[in-house]
Structures are given as C-alpha cells and as structure tokens.
Amino acid sequence: MHTRMYCSDACKAGAYRDRKREERETYRRWQEEQQRQREREREEQRQRQRRAHSGGSRVGGTKTSTETEARALIYDAAGIADDGTTPLLKAYRRAARRWHPDVNSSAEANAIFQRVEQAMALLRKMGKAA
C-alpha cells in the first residue's frame, strides 16, 4: 500500500473530503443507473402484458412493417406470450407447424401461414432472426 505524504493536516483532511465526495457521487450515479434499469424492465413487462392480454388477434390483417409487429405476429400465431423466455425461432417454428396448410385444414390457415412467413422474412432481412 502506498502511503501519501501531505504538507499539512488541512491538506490531508481536504484530500479525504474529496475522496469521500467522489465515493458518494459514484454511489449516487450507480443508484440512478439501477433505478433506470428497473424502470426499463417494468416498462418492458407492461408491454409484454399488454401484448399478451390485448383483445384482438394480430394474426389477421395488414402487412407487418416493423420488427415489433413482426415479432408480435409470430408469437401470437404460435399462441405464446412474448415474455422473453421462448426464443423467436422456436415460436416461429411452432407457428409454422400450427398454421401450415398441410397440417391445419381450416379456411384461414393458409393466409395466417403466409403472414407468419412474411413476418419472419422481414425479421431475417432486418437481421433480427437467428
């Protein structure tokens, strides 16, 4: 350990106060960052809950144009809540299997399958799909 030499006790006390002030400032910045992280996590959780509990289905409708819409469509078609535990590729495969016209004989299956394919193609094009 390196021992510092000070010219006077007043100088030593000033250096001590400066170190303590810097420690308090560092701790305050760390607390603020932790608070911002908690707020981001809460907002993401609220968004996931809104998506999971939304009234209508995103499977039908117009062409997706954003990453968020494409992800939401894939998870909705798979019947999975986008809570961050299921990877996108797994949700896509489940949705494709569920709505593939060879597996599902319902009238809407082909249209939904095509929308899931378009959404995944958009995500691949954006580099967001693994």
N, C-alpha and C. Protein backbone atom coordinates (compact mmCIF):
# COMPACT_ATOMS: atom_id res chain seq x y z
N MET A 1 0.84 -1.17 0.00
CA MET A 1 0.00 0.00 0.00
C MET A 1 0.89 1.24 0.00
N HIS A 2 0.50 2.19 -0.78
CA HIS A 2 1.27 3.43 -0.91
C HIS A 2 0.75 4.45 0.10
N THR A 3 1.64 4.98 0.89
CA THR A 3 1.27 5.99 1.88
C THR A 3 1.55 7.36 1.29
N ARG A 4 0.55 8.22 1.33
CA ARG A 4 0.72 9.56 0.80
C ARG A 4 1.28 10.48 1.86
N MET A 5 2.05 11.42 1.39
CA MET A 5 2.60 12.45 2.27
C MET A 5 1.85 13.74 1.99
N TYR A 6 1.39 14.39 3.01
CA TYR A 6 0.67 15.65 2.87
C TYR A 6 1.48 16.76 3.53
N CYS A 7 1.30 17.96 3.02
CA CYS A 7 2.04 19.09 3.56
C CYS A 7 1.51 19.56 4.91
N SER A 8 0.23 19.28 5.14
CA SER A 8 -0.34 19.68 6.42
C SER A 8 -1.56 18.82 6.72
N ASP A 9 -2.03 18.92 7.94
CA ASP A 9 -3.24 18.19 8.31
C ASP A 9 -4.45 18.71 7.54
N ALA A 10 -4.48 20.00 7.25
CA ALA A 10 -5.58 20.59 6.49
C ALA A 10 -5.61 20.02 5.06
N CYS A 11 -4.45 19.87 4.48
CA CYS A 11 -4.35 19.30 3.13
C CYS A 11 -4.82 17.85 3.15
N LYS A 12 -4.42 17.12 4.16
CA LYS A 12 -4.83 15.71 4.31
C LYS A 12 -6.34 15.61 4.49
N ALA A 13 -6.92 16.49 5.31
CA ALA A 13 -8.37 16.49 5.52
C ALA A 13 -9.10 16.84 4.23
N GLY A 14 -8.56 17.79 3.47
CA GLY A 14 -9.19 18.16 2.19
C GLY A 14 -9.18 17.00 1.20
N ALA A 15 -8.08 16.28 1.15
CA ALA A 15 -8.00 15.12 0.25
C ALA A 15 -8.99 14.05 0.68
N TYR A 16 -9.13 13.85 1.97
CA TYR A 16 -10.09 12.87 2.49
C TYR A 16 -11.51 13.27 2.11
N ARG A 17 -11.84 14.55 2.27
CA ARG A 17 -13.18 15.02 1.88
C ARG A 17 -13.42 14.83 0.39
N ASP A 18 -12.41 15.10 -0.41
CA ASP A 18 -12.54 14.91 -1.86
C ASP A 18 -12.80 13.45 -2.22
N ARG A 19 -12.08 12.53 -1.59
CA ARG A 19 -12.28 11.10 -1.85
C ARG A 19 -13.68 10.67 -1.45
N LYS A 20 -14.12 11.12 -0.27
CA LYS A 20 -15.46 10.75 0.20
C LYS A 20 -16.54 11.32 -0.71
N ARG A 21 -16.36 12.56 -1.18
CA ARG A 21 -17.32 13.18 -2.09
C ARG A 21 -17.40 12.38 -3.39
N GLU A 22 -16.24 11.97 -3.91
CA GLU A 22 -16.21 11.17 -5.14
C GLU A 22 -16.90 9.82 -4.93
N GLU A 23 -16.69 9.20 -3.76
CA GLU A 23 -17.36 7.92 -3.47
C GLU A 23 -18.87 8.10 -3.43
N ARG A 24 -19.33 9.18 -2.78
CA ARG A 24 -20.77 9.43 -2.72
C ARG A 24 -21.34 9.67 -4.11
N GLU A 25 -20.62 10.42 -4.92
CA GLU A 25 -21.08 10.71 -6.29
C GLU A 25 -21.14 9.44 -7.13
N THR A 26 -20.12 8.61 -7.00
CA THR A 26 -20.11 7.34 -7.74
C THR A 26 -21.28 6.46 -7.31
N TYR A 27 -21.52 6.38 -6.01
CA TYR A 27 -22.64 5.58 -5.49
C TYR A 27 -23.97 6.14 -5.97
N ARG A 28 -24.12 7.47 -5.98
CA ARG A 28 -25.36 8.10 -6.46
C ARG A 28 -25.60 7.78 -7.93
N ARG A 29 -24.54 7.87 -8.75
CA ARG A 29 -24.69 7.54 -10.18
C ARG A 29 -25.07 6.08 -10.36
N TRP A 30 -24.48 5.20 -9.56
CA TRP A 30 -24.81 3.77 -9.63
C TRP A 30 -26.27 3.55 -9.27
N GLN A 31 -26.77 4.22 -8.21
CA GLN A 31 -28.16 4.09 -7.82
C GLN A 31 -29.10 4.58 -8.92
N GLU A 32 -28.76 5.70 -9.54
CA GLU A 32 -29.59 6.23 -10.62
C GLU A 32 -29.64 5.25 -11.80
N GLU A 33 -28.51 4.67 -12.13
CA GLU A 33 -28.49 3.69 -13.22
C GLU A 33 -29.34 2.47 -12.88
N GLN A 34 -29.25 2.01 -11.64
CA GLN A 34 -30.07 0.88 -11.20
C GLN A 34 -31.55 1.23 -11.30
N GLN A 35 -31.93 2.43 -10.91
CA GLN A 35 -33.32 2.87 -10.98
C GLN A 35 -33.79 2.92 -12.43
N ARG A 36 -32.95 3.46 -13.33
CA ARG A 36 -33.32 3.49 -14.75
C ARG A 36 -33.50 2.08 -15.30
N GLN A 37 -32.63 1.15 -14.90
CA GLN A 37 -32.73 -0.24 -15.35
C GLN A 37 -34.04 -0.85 -14.86
N ARG A 38 -34.39 -0.62 -13.60
CA ARG A 38 -35.65 -1.16 -13.06
C ARG A 38 -36.84 -0.58 -13.82
N GLU A 39 -36.80 0.71 -14.12
CA GLU A 39 -37.89 1.34 -14.87
C GLU A 39 -38.01 0.75 -16.27
N ARG A 40 -36.86 0.52 -16.94
CA ARG A 40 -36.89 -0.12 -18.26
C ARG A 40 -37.50 -1.51 -18.18
N GLU A 41 -37.10 -2.28 -17.17
CA GLU A 41 -37.63 -3.64 -17.02
C GLU A 41 -39.13 -3.61 -16.75
N ARG A 42 -39.58 -2.67 -15.91
CA ARG A 42 -41.02 -2.56 -15.64
C ARG A 42 -41.79 -2.21 -16.90
N GLU A 43 -41.26 -1.27 -17.70
CA GLU A 43 -41.93 -0.88 -18.94
C GLU A 43 -41.98 -2.05 -19.92
N GLU A 44 -40.90 -2.81 -20.04
CA GLU A 44 -40.91 -3.99 -20.91
C GLU A 44 -41.94 -5.01 -20.43
N GLN A 45 -42.03 -5.19 -19.12
CA GLN A 45 -43.01 -6.13 -18.55
C GLN A 45 -44.43 -5.65 -18.86
N ARG A 46 -44.68 -4.35 -18.72
CA ARG A 46 -46.02 -3.82 -19.04
C ARG A 46 -46.34 -4.03 -20.51
N GLN A 47 -45.36 -3.82 -21.39
CA GLN A 47 -45.60 -4.02 -22.82
C GLN A 47 -45.90 -5.49 -23.12
N ARG A 48 -45.14 -6.40 -22.49
CA ARG A 48 -45.41 -7.83 -22.70
C ARG A 48 -46.81 -8.19 -22.21
N GLN A 49 -47.22 -7.63 -21.07
CA GLN A 49 -48.55 -7.92 -20.55
C GLN A 49 -49.63 -7.36 -21.46
N ARG A 50 -49.41 -6.14 -21.98
CA ARG A 50 -50.39 -5.57 -22.91
C ARG A 50 -50.53 -6.44 -24.14
N ARG A 51 -49.38 -6.91 -24.67
CA ARG A 51 -49.44 -7.78 -25.85
C ARG A 51 -50.13 -9.09 -25.54
N ALA A 52 -49.86 -9.64 -24.37
CA ALA A 52 -50.45 -10.93 -24.01
C ALA A 52 -51.94 -10.82 -23.75
N HIS A 53 -52.38 -9.66 -23.23
CA HIS A 53 -53.79 -9.50 -22.86
C HIS A 53 -54.57 -8.65 -23.83
N SER A 54 -54.00 -8.33 -24.97
CA SER A 54 -54.72 -7.49 -25.92
C SER A 54 -55.93 -8.24 -26.44
N GLY A 55 -56.97 -7.49 -26.71
CA GLY A 55 -58.24 -8.10 -27.09
C GLY A 55 -58.20 -8.83 -28.42
N GLY A 56 -57.70 -8.20 -29.46
CA GLY A 56 -57.74 -8.80 -30.78
C GLY A 56 -56.51 -9.61 -31.11
N SER A 57 -56.64 -10.42 -32.12
CA SER A 57 -55.51 -11.22 -32.58
C SER A 57 -54.74 -10.44 -33.64
N ARG A 58 -53.44 -10.54 -33.63
CA ARG A 58 -52.62 -9.86 -34.61
C ARG A 58 -52.41 -10.73 -35.86
N VAL A 59 -52.94 -11.92 -35.85
CA VAL A 59 -52.66 -12.85 -36.92
C VAL A 59 -53.26 -12.40 -38.24
N GLY A 60 -54.48 -11.91 -38.24
CA GLY A 60 -55.10 -11.44 -39.47
C GLY A 60 -54.76 -9.98 -39.69
N GLY A 61 -55.09 -9.44 -40.85
CA GLY A 61 -54.91 -8.01 -41.02
C GLY A 61 -53.90 -7.64 -42.09
N THR A 62 -53.32 -6.47 -41.94
CA THR A 62 -52.44 -5.93 -42.96
C THR A 62 -51.01 -6.43 -42.81
N LYS A 63 -50.20 -6.05 -43.77
CA LYS A 63 -48.80 -6.47 -43.80
C LYS A 63 -48.01 -5.82 -42.66
N THR A 64 -47.15 -6.61 -42.00
CA THR A 64 -46.33 -6.06 -40.92
C THR A 64 -45.20 -5.23 -41.51
N SER A 65 -44.83 -4.17 -40.80
CA SER A 65 -43.78 -3.29 -41.33
C SER A 65 -42.68 -3.02 -40.32
N THR A 66 -42.87 -3.39 -39.07
CA THR A 66 -41.84 -3.14 -38.08
C THR A 66 -41.44 -4.43 -37.40
N GLU A 67 -40.28 -4.39 -36.78
CA GLU A 67 -39.78 -5.56 -36.05
C GLU A 67 -40.74 -5.96 -34.94
N THR A 68 -41.25 -4.98 -34.22
CA THR A 68 -42.17 -5.25 -33.10
C THR A 68 -43.43 -5.94 -33.58
N GLU A 69 -44.00 -5.42 -34.67
CA GLU A 69 -45.22 -6.03 -35.22
C GLU A 69 -44.94 -7.46 -35.70
N ALA A 70 -43.81 -7.67 -36.35
CA ALA A 70 -43.47 -8.99 -36.86
C ALA A 70 -43.30 -9.99 -35.71
N ARG A 71 -42.56 -9.58 -34.68
CA ARG A 71 -42.38 -10.46 -33.51
C ARG A 71 -43.72 -10.78 -32.86
N ALA A 72 -44.55 -9.73 -32.70
CA ALA A 72 -45.86 -9.92 -32.06
C ALA A 72 -46.72 -10.89 -32.88
N LEU A 73 -46.67 -10.76 -34.19
CA LEU A 73 -47.46 -11.64 -35.05
C LEU A 73 -47.01 -13.09 -34.90
N ILE A 74 -45.72 -13.32 -34.89
CA ILE A 74 -45.20 -14.68 -34.78
C ILE A 74 -45.57 -15.30 -33.44
N TYR A 75 -45.36 -14.57 -32.36
CA TYR A 75 -45.70 -15.10 -31.04
C TYR A 75 -47.21 -15.33 -30.91
N ASP A 76 -48.01 -14.41 -31.46
CA ASP A 76 -49.46 -14.55 -31.40
C ASP A 76 -49.92 -15.77 -32.20
N ALA A 77 -49.35 -15.95 -33.39
CA ALA A 77 -49.73 -17.09 -34.22
C ALA A 77 -49.33 -18.41 -33.57
N ALA A 78 -48.24 -18.39 -32.82
CA ALA A 78 -47.79 -19.59 -32.13
C ALA A 78 -48.61 -19.85 -30.87
N GLY A 79 -49.34 -18.84 -30.41
CA GLY A 79 -50.11 -18.98 -29.19
C GLY A 79 -49.25 -18.88 -27.94
N ILE A 80 -48.15 -18.13 -28.04
CA ILE A 80 -47.20 -17.99 -26.94
C ILE A 80 -47.12 -16.52 -26.55
N ALA A 81 -47.05 -16.24 -25.26
CA ALA A 81 -46.84 -14.87 -24.80
C ALA A 81 -45.37 -14.51 -24.99
N ASP A 82 -45.12 -13.34 -25.53
CA ASP A 82 -43.74 -12.88 -25.76
C ASP A 82 -43.19 -12.33 -24.45
N ASP A 83 -42.80 -13.23 -23.56
CA ASP A 83 -42.31 -12.81 -22.25
C ASP A 83 -40.80 -12.94 -22.14
N GLY A 84 -40.14 -13.23 -23.24
CA GLY A 84 -38.69 -13.30 -23.23
C GLY A 84 -38.13 -14.67 -22.90
N THR A 85 -38.98 -15.64 -22.59
CA THR A 85 -38.47 -16.96 -22.25
C THR A 85 -38.38 -17.89 -23.45
N THR A 86 -39.23 -17.67 -24.45
CA THR A 86 -39.23 -18.52 -25.64
C THR A 86 -38.49 -17.80 -26.77
N PRO A 87 -37.45 -18.42 -27.34
CA PRO A 87 -36.73 -17.78 -28.44
C PRO A 87 -37.63 -17.58 -29.66
N LEU A 88 -37.32 -16.56 -30.44
CA LEU A 88 -38.11 -16.23 -31.62
C LEU A 88 -38.18 -17.39 -32.60
N LEU A 89 -37.06 -18.05 -32.83
CA LEU A 89 -37.03 -19.15 -33.79
C LEU A 89 -37.95 -20.29 -33.36
N LYS A 90 -37.98 -20.59 -32.07
CA LYS A 90 -38.85 -21.64 -31.56
C LYS A 90 -40.32 -21.25 -31.74
N ALA A 91 -40.65 -19.99 -31.47
CA ALA A 91 -42.02 -19.51 -31.67
C ALA A 91 -42.40 -19.57 -33.15
N TYR A 92 -41.47 -19.18 -34.02
CA TYR A 92 -41.73 -19.24 -35.46
C TYR A 92 -42.02 -20.67 -35.91
N ARG A 93 -41.19 -21.60 -35.47
CA ARG A 93 -41.40 -23.00 -35.88
C ARG A 93 -42.74 -23.53 -35.37
N ARG A 94 -43.09 -23.16 -34.15
CA ARG A 94 -44.37 -23.61 -33.59
C ARG A 94 -45.54 -23.01 -34.38
N ALA A 95 -45.43 -21.72 -34.73
CA ALA A 95 -46.48 -21.06 -35.51
C ALA A 95 -46.58 -21.67 -36.91
N ALA A 96 -45.43 -21.92 -37.54
CA ALA A 96 -45.44 -22.50 -38.88
C ALA A 96 -46.06 -23.89 -38.87
N ARG A 97 -45.73 -24.67 -37.88
CA ARG A 97 -46.30 -26.02 -37.75
C ARG A 97 -47.81 -25.94 -37.48
N ARG A 98 -48.21 -25.01 -36.63
CA ARG A 98 -49.62 -24.89 -36.25
C ARG A 98 -50.49 -24.46 -37.43
N TRP A 99 -49.98 -23.54 -38.27
CA TRP A 99 -50.80 -22.97 -39.33
C TRP A 99 -50.45 -23.46 -40.74
N HIS A 100 -49.53 -24.40 -40.87
CA HIS A 100 -49.18 -24.90 -42.21
C HIS A 100 -50.41 -25.56 -42.84
N PRO A 101 -50.69 -25.24 -44.10
CA PRO A 101 -51.90 -25.78 -44.76
C PRO A 101 -51.93 -27.31 -44.82
N ASP A 102 -50.79 -27.97 -44.82
CA ASP A 102 -50.77 -29.43 -44.82
C ASP A 102 -51.17 -30.01 -43.46
N VAL A 103 -51.03 -29.24 -42.41
CA VAL A 103 -51.35 -29.70 -41.07
C VAL A 103 -52.71 -29.20 -40.62
N ASN A 104 -53.00 -27.94 -40.93
CA ASN A 104 -54.23 -27.30 -40.49
C ASN A 104 -55.15 -27.13 -41.70
N SER A 105 -56.32 -27.70 -41.63
CA SER A 105 -57.22 -27.66 -42.79
C SER A 105 -58.26 -26.54 -42.71
N SER A 106 -58.12 -25.64 -41.76
CA SER A 106 -59.09 -24.55 -41.64
C SER A 106 -58.94 -23.58 -42.82
N ALA A 107 -59.98 -22.80 -43.04
CA ALA A 107 -60.00 -21.88 -44.17
C ALA A 107 -58.96 -20.77 -44.03
N GLU A 108 -58.69 -20.35 -42.81
CA GLU A 108 -57.77 -19.24 -42.60
C GLU A 108 -56.31 -19.67 -42.47
N ALA A 109 -56.04 -20.95 -42.41
CA ALA A 109 -54.69 -21.44 -42.15
C ALA A 109 -53.67 -20.95 -43.17
N ASN A 110 -54.00 -20.99 -44.44
CA ASN A 110 -53.05 -20.58 -45.47
C ASN A 110 -52.70 -19.10 -45.35
N ALA A 111 -53.71 -18.26 -45.12
CA ALA A 111 -53.47 -16.82 -45.00
C ALA A 111 -52.59 -16.52 -43.78
N ILE A 112 -52.86 -17.16 -42.67
CA ILE A 112 -52.08 -16.93 -41.45
C ILE A 112 -50.66 -17.44 -41.65
N PHE A 113 -50.52 -18.61 -42.27
CA PHE A 113 -49.19 -19.16 -42.53
C PHE A 113 -48.37 -18.20 -43.39
N GLN A 114 -48.99 -17.64 -44.43
CA GLN A 114 -48.28 -16.69 -45.28
C GLN A 114 -47.85 -15.44 -44.51
N ARG A 115 -48.72 -14.96 -43.60
CA ARG A 115 -48.37 -13.78 -42.79
C ARG A 115 -47.20 -14.09 -41.86
N VAL A 116 -47.19 -15.29 -41.29
CA VAL A 116 -46.07 -15.69 -40.42
C VAL A 116 -44.79 -15.75 -41.23
N GLU A 117 -44.86 -16.30 -42.42
CA GLU A 117 -43.69 -16.37 -43.29
C GLU A 117 -43.18 -14.97 -43.66
N GLN A 118 -44.12 -14.06 -43.98
CA GLN A 118 -43.73 -12.69 -44.32
C GLN A 118 -43.06 -12.01 -43.13
N ALA A 119 -43.62 -12.22 -41.95
CA ALA A 119 -43.05 -11.61 -40.74
C ALA A 119 -41.63 -12.13 -40.50
N MET A 120 -41.44 -13.43 -40.65
CA MET A 120 -40.11 -14.00 -40.42
C MET A 120 -39.13 -13.52 -41.50
N ALA A 121 -39.61 -13.40 -42.73
CA ALA A 121 -38.75 -12.90 -43.81
C ALA A 121 -38.31 -11.46 -43.51
N LEU A 122 -39.23 -10.65 -42.97
CA LEU A 122 -38.89 -9.27 -42.62
C LEU A 122 -37.83 -9.27 -41.51
N LEU A 123 -38.00 -10.11 -40.50
CA LEU A 123 -37.03 -10.17 -39.41
C LEU A 123 -35.67 -10.66 -39.89
N ARG A 124 -35.67 -11.62 -40.80
CA ARG A 124 -34.40 -12.10 -41.37
C ARG A 124 -33.71 -11.00 -42.16
N LYS A 125 -34.51 -10.27 -42.92
CA LYS A 125 -33.97 -9.17 -43.72
C LYS A 125 -33.37 -8.09 -42.83
N MET A 126 -34.00 -7.86 -41.68
CA MET A 126 -33.50 -6.85 -40.72
C MET A 126 -32.35 -7.39 -39.89
N GLY A 127 -32.08 -8.70 -40.00
CA GLY A 127 -31.01 -9.30 -39.23
C GLY A 127 -31.40 -9.56 -37.79
N LYS A 128 -32.69 -9.65 -37.49
CA LYS A 128 -33.17 -9.82 -36.12
C LYS A 128 -33.54 -11.26 -35.81
N ALA A 129 -33.55 -12.13 -36.81
CA ALA A 129 -33.90 -13.53 -36.59
C ALA A 129 -32.63 -14.37 -36.61
N ALA A 130 -32.54 -15.26 -35.66
CA ALA A 130 -31.34 -16.11 -35.57
C ALA A 130 -31.42 -17.24 -36.56
